[in-house]
Amino acid sequence: MKANDILLVLQNELKKSKDTSETRILKELHFCNGESIADLAVINGELTAFEIKSDADSLVRLPNQIKNYNKVFDYITIVTGETHLKKVSSLVPDFWGIWLIKIQDGILVSEIVRKQNKNHEINAFALAQFLWKDEILDLLKKRNLHKGMQAKRKWLLWKFLVENFTLDELSLEVKNYLIKRANWKGGITSPSDIPNI
């Protein structure tokens, strides 16, 4: 079973979710300043990530991926086949969800092994890195904090956000900007864009 097979099953499950203009579904969402990539992310009132580990994948990078996922996503689920299920279960934190993709009667089906729970390890600086410079400047302008910020490097702007917004405020603003962002590079943008399988 390959990663693309798992992705198709996962997309089909997400297609069942309510289609709304307030939901964005993205393939290969970069985060932590490009250090990690979520295979699939759902952005609405929460930031939810899905990490796929097919039978052909290695788990070598998983410990570092876990650290980065924990910095920014409210909910995280790892989706895997039977080959890695036991090892994955021992590696991911208790609040991560685990989905098993398996062959049943000749077709791929998903089974929820463990439900995801809220992540309480969010890092404000890592979260701020989701925002593009123009979005940061727009946000600061709304708060009348934009003076002298135009020429600042991005990392200084991220630091300034962390110093001037609570984690809850920043989280809400990041989600709002991600939902409104129109020019995503590729990927799916809403549940109705997911092809039928």
C-alpha atoms as a PDB file:
ATOM      1  CA  MET A   1       0.000   0.000   0.000  1.00  0.00           C
ATOM      2  CA  LYS A   2       1.456   3.324  -1.139  1.00  0.00           C
ATOM      3  CA  ALA A   3       1.065   6.833   0.271  1.00  0.00           C
ATOM      4  CA  ASN A   4      -1.165   7.857  -2.655  1.00  0.00           C
ATOM      5  CA  ASP A   5      -3.537   4.959  -1.901  1.00  0.00           C
ATOM      6  CA  ILE A   6      -3.824   6.147   1.707  1.00  0.00           C
ATOM      7  CA  LEU A   7      -4.260   9.755   0.569  1.00  0.00           C
ATOM      8  CA  LEU A   8      -7.226   8.805  -1.629  1.00  0.00           C
ATOM      9  CA  VAL A   9      -8.958   7.032   1.264  1.00  0.00           C
ATOM     10  CA  LEU A  10      -8.250   9.959   3.579  1.00  0.00           C
ATOM     11  CA  GLN A  11      -9.583  12.471   1.043  1.00  0.00           C
ATOM     12  CA  ASN A  12     -12.739  10.396   0.650  1.00  0.00           C
ATOM     13  CA  GLU A  13     -13.273  10.463   4.424  1.00  0.00           C
ATOM     14  CA  LEU A  14     -12.794  14.238   4.500  1.00  0.00           C
ATOM     15  CA  LYS A  15     -15.218  14.702   1.614  1.00  0.00           C
ATOM     16  CA  LYS A  16     -17.930  13.519   3.971  1.00  0.00           C
ATOM     17  CA  SER A  17     -17.289  16.553   6.155  1.00  0.00           C
ATOM     18  CA  LYS A  18     -19.521  19.595   5.825  1.00  0.00           C
ATOM     19  CA  ASP A  19     -18.667  21.685   2.766  1.00  0.00           C
ATOM     20  CA  THR A  20     -18.329  25.281   3.820  1.00  0.00           C
ATOM     21  CA  SER A  21     -16.503  28.371   2.636  1.00  0.00           C
ATOM     22  CA  GLU A  22     -14.960  28.442   6.113  1.00  0.00           C
ATOM     23  CA  THR A  23     -13.014  25.219   5.515  1.00  0.00           C
ATOM     24  CA  ARG A  24      -9.795  24.770   3.569  1.00  0.00           C
ATOM     25  CA  ILE A  25      -8.207  21.406   2.867  1.00  0.00           C
ATOM     26  CA  LEU A  26      -4.619  21.499   1.666  1.00  0.00           C
ATOM     27  CA  LYS A  27      -2.166  18.906   0.438  1.00  0.00           C
ATOM     28  CA  GLU A  28       1.462  19.298   1.480  1.00  0.00           C
ATOM     29  CA  LEU A  29       1.160  22.285   3.799  1.00  0.00           C
ATOM     30  CA  HIS A  30       4.625  23.557   4.759  1.00  0.00           C
ATOM     31  CA  PHE A  31       5.102  24.664   8.369  1.00  0.00           C
ATOM     32  CA  CYS A  32       7.807  25.526  10.900  1.00  0.00           C
ATOM     33  CA  ASN A  33       9.417  27.785   8.290  1.00  0.00           C
ATOM     34  CA  GLY A  34       9.413  24.975   5.722  1.00  0.00           C
ATOM     35  CA  GLU A  35      11.107  22.431   7.981  1.00  0.00           C
ATOM     36  CA  SER A  36       8.115  20.062   7.838  1.00  0.00           C
ATOM     37  CA  ILE A  37       5.224  19.302   5.487  1.00  0.00           C
ATOM     38  CA  ALA A  38       1.782  18.050   6.519  1.00  0.00           C
ATOM     39  CA  ASP A  39       0.493  15.531   3.986  1.00  0.00           C
ATOM     40  CA  LEU A  40      -3.011  16.928   4.423  1.00  0.00           C
ATOM     41  CA  ALA A  41      -4.274  19.815   6.558  1.00  0.00           C
ATOM     42  CA  VAL A  42      -7.786  20.968   7.351  1.00  0.00           C
ATOM     43  CA  ILE A  43      -8.200  24.609   8.311  1.00  0.00           C
ATOM     44  CA  ASN A  44     -11.447  25.872   9.832  1.00  0.00           C
ATOM     45  CA  GLY A  45     -12.069  26.777  13.461  1.00  0.00           C
ATOM     46  CA  GLU A  46      -9.099  24.524  14.212  1.00  0.00           C
ATOM     47  CA  LEU A  47      -5.851  23.551  12.502  1.00  0.00           C
ATOM     48  CA  THR A  48      -5.886  19.806  11.901  1.00  0.00           C
ATOM     49  CA  ALA A  49      -3.060  17.828  10.298  1.00  0.00           C
ATOM     50  CA  PHE A  50      -2.819  14.344   8.840  1.00  0.00           C
ATOM     51  CA  GLU A  51       0.568  12.627   8.513  1.00  0.00           C
ATOM     52  CA  ILE A  52       0.627   9.590   6.219  1.00  0.00           C
ATOM     53  CA  LYS A  53       3.002   6.696   6.816  1.00  0.00           C
ATOM     54  CA  SER A  54       2.470   4.019   4.188  1.00  0.00           C
ATOM     55  CA  ASP A  55       3.879   0.499   4.454  1.00  0.00           C
ATOM     56  CA  ALA A  56       6.698   1.618   2.127  1.00  0.00           C
ATOM     57  CA  ASP A  57       7.621   4.677   4.232  1.00  0.00           C
ATOM     58  CA  SER A  58      10.407   4.855   6.793  1.00  0.00           C
ATOM     59  CA  LEU A  59       9.708   6.068  10.332  1.00  0.00           C
ATOM     60  CA  VAL A  60      13.186   7.590  10.757  1.00  0.00           C
ATOM     61  CA  ARG A  61      11.950  11.188  10.429  1.00  0.00           C
ATOM     62  CA  LEU A  62       8.842  10.680  12.551  1.00  0.00           C
ATOM     63  CA  PRO A  63      10.303  11.811  15.934  1.00  0.00           C
ATOM     64  CA  ASN A  64      11.333  15.186  14.477  1.00  0.00           C
ATOM     65  CA  GLN A  65       8.030  15.476  12.596  1.00  0.00           C
ATOM     66  CA  ILE A  66       6.172  14.899  15.863  1.00  0.00           C
ATOM     67  CA  LYS A  67       8.032  17.798  17.521  1.00  0.00           C
ATOM     68  CA  ASN A  68       7.132  20.152  14.667  1.00  0.00           C
ATOM     69  CA  TYR A  69       3.497  19.049  14.346  1.00  0.00           C
ATOM     70  CA  ASN A  70       3.063  19.600  18.079  1.00  0.00           C
ATOM     71  CA  LYS A  71       4.205  23.215  17.719  1.00  0.00           C
ATOM     72  CA  VAL A  72       1.406  24.375  15.424  1.00  0.00           C
ATOM     73  CA  PHE A  73      -1.583  22.048  14.986  1.00  0.00           C
ATOM     74  CA  ASP A  74      -4.591  21.868  17.302  1.00  0.00           C
ATOM     75  CA  TYR A  75      -5.324  18.288  16.270  1.00  0.00           C
ATOM     76  CA  ILE A  76      -3.039  15.729  14.646  1.00  0.00           C
ATOM     77  CA  THR A  77      -3.743  12.285  13.217  1.00  0.00           C
ATOM     78  CA  ILE A  78      -1.298   9.797  11.776  1.00  0.00           C
ATOM     79  CA  VAL A  79      -2.683   7.563   9.038  1.00  0.00           C
ATOM     80  CA  THR A  80      -0.888   4.287   8.435  1.00  0.00           C
ATOM     81  CA  GLY A  81      -1.087   0.711   7.219  1.00  0.00           C
ATOM     82  CA  GLU A  82      -0.806  -2.452   9.277  1.00  0.00           C
ATOM     83  CA  THR A  83       2.985  -2.697   8.790  1.00  0.00           C
ATOM     84  CA  HIS A  84       3.738   0.372  10.935  1.00  0.00           C
ATOM     85  CA  LEU A  85       0.714   0.428  13.232  1.00  0.00           C
ATOM     86  CA  LYS A  86       2.407  -1.002  16.340  1.00  0.00           C
ATOM     87  CA  LYS A  87       5.558   1.154  16.037  1.00  0.00           C
ATOM     88  CA  VAL A  88       3.589   4.303  15.203  1.00  0.00           C
ATOM     89  CA  SER A  89       1.343   3.726  18.233  1.00  0.00           C
ATOM     90  CA  SER A  90       4.398   3.633  20.499  1.00  0.00           C
ATOM     91  CA  LEU A  91       5.959   6.778  18.979  1.00  0.00           C
ATOM     92  CA  VAL A  92       3.180   9.354  18.687  1.00  0.00           C
ATOM     93  CA  PRO A  93       1.869  11.242  21.740  1.00  0.00           C
ATOM     94  CA  ASP A  94      -1.372  10.126  23.386  1.00  0.00           C
ATOM     95  CA  PHE A  95      -3.290  13.115  22.032  1.00  0.00           C
ATOM     96  CA  TRP A  96      -2.558  12.167  18.401  1.00  0.00           C
ATOM     97  CA  GLY A  97      -5.238  10.282  16.541  1.00  0.00           C
ATOM     98  CA  ILE A  98      -4.360   7.052  14.740  1.00  0.00           C
ATOM     99  CA  TRP A  99      -6.160   5.832  11.625  1.00  0.00           C
ATOM    100  CA  LEU A 100      -5.483   2.430  10.108  1.00  0.00           C
ATOM    101  CA  ILE A 101      -5.932   1.924   6.364  1.00  0.00           C
ATOM    102  CA  LYS A 102      -6.389  -1.724   5.450  1.00  0.00           C
ATOM    103  CA  ILE A 103      -7.725  -3.921   2.676  1.00  0.00           C
ATOM    104  CA  GLN A 104     -11.142  -5.364   3.407  1.00  0.00           C
ATOM    105  CA  ASP A 105     -13.075  -7.388   0.810  1.00  0.00           C
ATOM    106  CA  GLY A 106     -10.677  -6.148  -1.851  1.00  0.00           C
ATOM    107  CA  ILE A 107     -11.052  -2.418  -1.111  1.00  0.00           C
ATOM    108  CA  LEU A 108      -9.168   0.033   1.081  1.00  0.00           C
ATOM    109  CA  VAL A 109     -11.051   1.109   4.185  1.00  0.00           C
ATOM    110  CA  SER A 110     -10.198   3.282   7.168  1.00  0.00           C
ATOM    111  CA  GLU A 111     -10.527   2.395  10.829  1.00  0.00           C
ATOM    112  CA  ILE A 112     -10.106   4.841  13.692  1.00  0.00           C
ATOM    113  CA  VAL A 113      -7.726   3.145  16.130  1.00  0.00           C
ATOM    114  CA  ARG A 114      -7.543   6.170  18.422  1.00  0.00           C
ATOM    115  CA  LYS A 115      -9.391   9.489  18.321  1.00  0.00           C
ATOM    116  CA  GLN A 116      -7.386  12.690  18.306  1.00  0.00           C
ATOM    117  CA  ASN A 117      -7.477  15.038  21.275  1.00  0.00           C
ATOM    118  CA  LYS A 118      -6.575  18.701  21.634  1.00  0.00           C
ATOM    119  CA  ASN A 119      -2.885  19.551  21.488  1.00  0.00           C
ATOM    120  CA  HIS A 120      -1.769  21.841  24.338  1.00  0.00           C
ATOM    121  CA  GLU A 121       1.855  22.212  23.193  1.00  0.00           C
ATOM    122  CA  ILE A 122       1.358  25.011  20.613  1.00  0.00           C
ATOM    123  CA  ASN A 123       4.353  27.315  20.152  1.00  0.00           C
ATOM    124  CA  ALA A 124       3.391  30.912  19.312  1.00  0.00           C
ATOM    125  CA  PHE A 125       6.531  31.682  17.290  1.00  0.00           C
ATOM    126  CA  ALA A 126       6.092  28.564  15.125  1.00  0.00           C
ATOM    127  CA  LEU A 127       2.404  29.392  14.663  1.00  0.00           C
ATOM    128  CA  ALA A 128       3.229  32.943  13.544  1.00  0.00           C
ATOM    129  CA  GLN A 129       5.407  31.481  10.766  1.00  0.00           C
ATOM    130  CA  PHE A 130       2.258  30.454   8.878  1.00  0.00           C
ATOM    131  CA  LEU A 131       1.649  34.121   8.039  1.00  0.00           C
ATOM    132  CA  TRP A 132       3.057  35.794   4.938  1.00  0.00           C
ATOM    133  CA  LYS A 133       4.633  39.220   5.340  1.00  0.00           C
ATOM    134  CA  ASP A 134       1.701  41.103   3.762  1.00  0.00           C
ATOM    135  CA  GLU A 135      -0.682  39.293   6.128  1.00  0.00           C
ATOM    136  CA  ILE A 136       1.437  40.214   9.153  1.00  0.00           C
ATOM    137  CA  LEU A 137       1.530  43.869   8.112  1.00  0.00           C
ATOM    138  CA  ASP A 138      -2.230  43.861   7.535  1.00  0.00           C
ATOM    139  CA  LEU A 139      -2.815  42.368  10.980  1.00  0.00           C
ATOM    140  CA  LEU A 140      -0.504  44.890  12.636  1.00  0.00           C
ATOM    141  CA  LYS A 141      -2.258  47.739  10.813  1.00  0.00           C
ATOM    142  CA  LYS A 142      -5.604  46.579  12.260  1.00  0.00           C
ATOM    143  CA  ARG A 143      -4.068  46.887  15.726  1.00  0.00           C
ATOM    144  CA  ASN A 144      -2.317  50.174  14.883  1.00  0.00           C
ATOM    145  CA  LEU A 145       1.041  48.455  15.487  1.00  0.00           C
ATOM    146  CA  HIS A 146       2.346  48.740  11.915  1.00  0.00           C
ATOM    147  CA  LYS A 147       4.526  51.856  12.133  1.00  0.00           C
ATOM    148  CA  GLY A 148       8.169  51.088  11.369  1.00  0.00           C
ATOM    149  CA  MET A 149       7.402  47.429  10.585  1.00  0.00           C
ATOM    150  CA  GLN A 150       7.412  47.472   6.746  1.00  0.00           C
ATOM    151  CA  ALA A 151      11.175  46.981   6.360  1.00  0.00           C
ATOM    152  CA  LYS A 152      11.576  44.431   9.173  1.00  0.00           C
ATOM    153  CA  ARG A 153      12.701  40.903   8.358  1.00  0.00           C
ATOM    154  CA  LYS A 154      10.074  38.186   8.698  1.00  0.00           C
ATOM    155  CA  TRP A 155      11.597  36.599  11.794  1.00  0.00           C
ATOM    156  CA  LEU A 156      11.477  39.978  13.569  1.00  0.00           C
ATOM    157  CA  LEU A 157       7.832  40.361  12.564  1.00  0.00           C
ATOM    158  CA  TRP A 158       7.047  36.884  13.906  1.00  0.00           C
ATOM    159  CA  LYS A 159       8.799  37.813  17.160  1.00  0.00           C
ATOM    160  CA  PHE A 160       6.830  41.070  17.332  1.00  0.00           C
ATOM    161  CA  LEU A 161       3.550  39.151  16.897  1.00  0.00           C
ATOM    162  CA  VAL A 162       4.449  36.814  19.754  1.00  0.00           C
ATOM    163  CA  GLU A 163       5.271  39.785  21.992  1.00  0.00           C
ATOM    164  CA  ASN A 164       2.050  41.664  21.200  1.00  0.00           C
ATOM    165  CA  PHE A 165      -0.610  38.943  20.890  1.00  0.00           C
ATOM    166  CA  THR A 166      -1.728  36.243  23.281  1.00  0.00           C
ATOM    167  CA  LEU A 167      -1.508  32.685  21.974  1.00  0.00           C
ATOM    168  CA  ASP A 168      -5.311  32.534  21.637  1.00  0.00           C
ATOM    169  CA  GLU A 169      -5.414  35.825  19.712  1.00  0.00           C
ATOM    170  CA  LEU A 170      -2.598  34.754  17.419  1.00  0.00           C
ATOM    171  CA  SER A 171      -4.142  31.345  16.806  1.00  0.00           C
ATOM    172  CA  LEU A 172      -7.459  32.908  15.808  1.00  0.00           C
ATOM    173  CA  GLU A 173      -5.798  35.426  13.484  1.00  0.00           C
ATOM    174  CA  VAL A 174      -3.631  32.777  11.808  1.00  0.00           C
ATOM    175  CA  LYS A 175      -6.687  30.622  11.099  1.00  0.00           C
ATOM    176  CA  ASN A 176      -8.597  33.612   9.724  1.00  0.00           C
ATOM    177  CA  TYR A 177      -5.782  34.546   7.350  1.00  0.00           C
ATOM    178  CA  LEU A 178      -5.284  30.957   6.200  1.00  0.00           C
ATOM    179  CA  ILE A 179      -9.008  30.611   5.464  1.00  0.00           C
ATOM    180  CA  LYS A 180      -9.070  33.900   3.515  1.00  0.00           C
ATOM    181  CA  ARG A 181      -5.859  33.240   1.601  1.00  0.00           C
ATOM    182  CA  ALA A 182      -6.844  32.925  -2.051  1.00  0.00           C
ATOM    183  CA  ASN A 183      -3.628  32.034  -3.848  1.00  0.00           C
ATOM    184  CA  TRP A 184      -2.579  28.729  -2.320  1.00  0.00           C
ATOM    185  CA  LYS A 185       0.007  26.852  -4.372  1.00  0.00           C
ATOM    186  CA  GLY A 186      -1.879  23.807  -5.620  1.00  0.00           C
ATOM    187  CA  GLY A 187      -3.755  21.317  -3.480  1.00  0.00           C
ATOM    188  CA  ILE A 188      -7.387  21.112  -2.536  1.00  0.00           C
ATOM    189  CA  THR A 189      -9.171  24.178  -1.265  1.00  0.00           C
ATOM    190  CA  SER A 190     -12.532  22.899  -0.052  1.00  0.00           C
ATOM    191  CA  PRO A 191     -14.231  19.528   0.596  1.00  0.00           C
ATOM    192  CA  SER A 192     -16.212  19.771  -2.664  1.00  0.00           C
ATOM    193  CA  ASP A 193     -12.951  19.886  -4.651  1.00  0.00           C
ATOM    194  CA  ILE A 194     -12.029  16.378  -3.543  1.00  0.00           C
ATOM    195  CA  PRO A 195     -12.532  13.899  -6.414  1.00  0.00           C
ATOM    196  CA  ASN A 196     -14.816  10.915  -5.904  1.00  0.00           C
ATOM    197  CA  ILE A 197     -13.144   7.522  -5.619  1.00  0.00           C
END
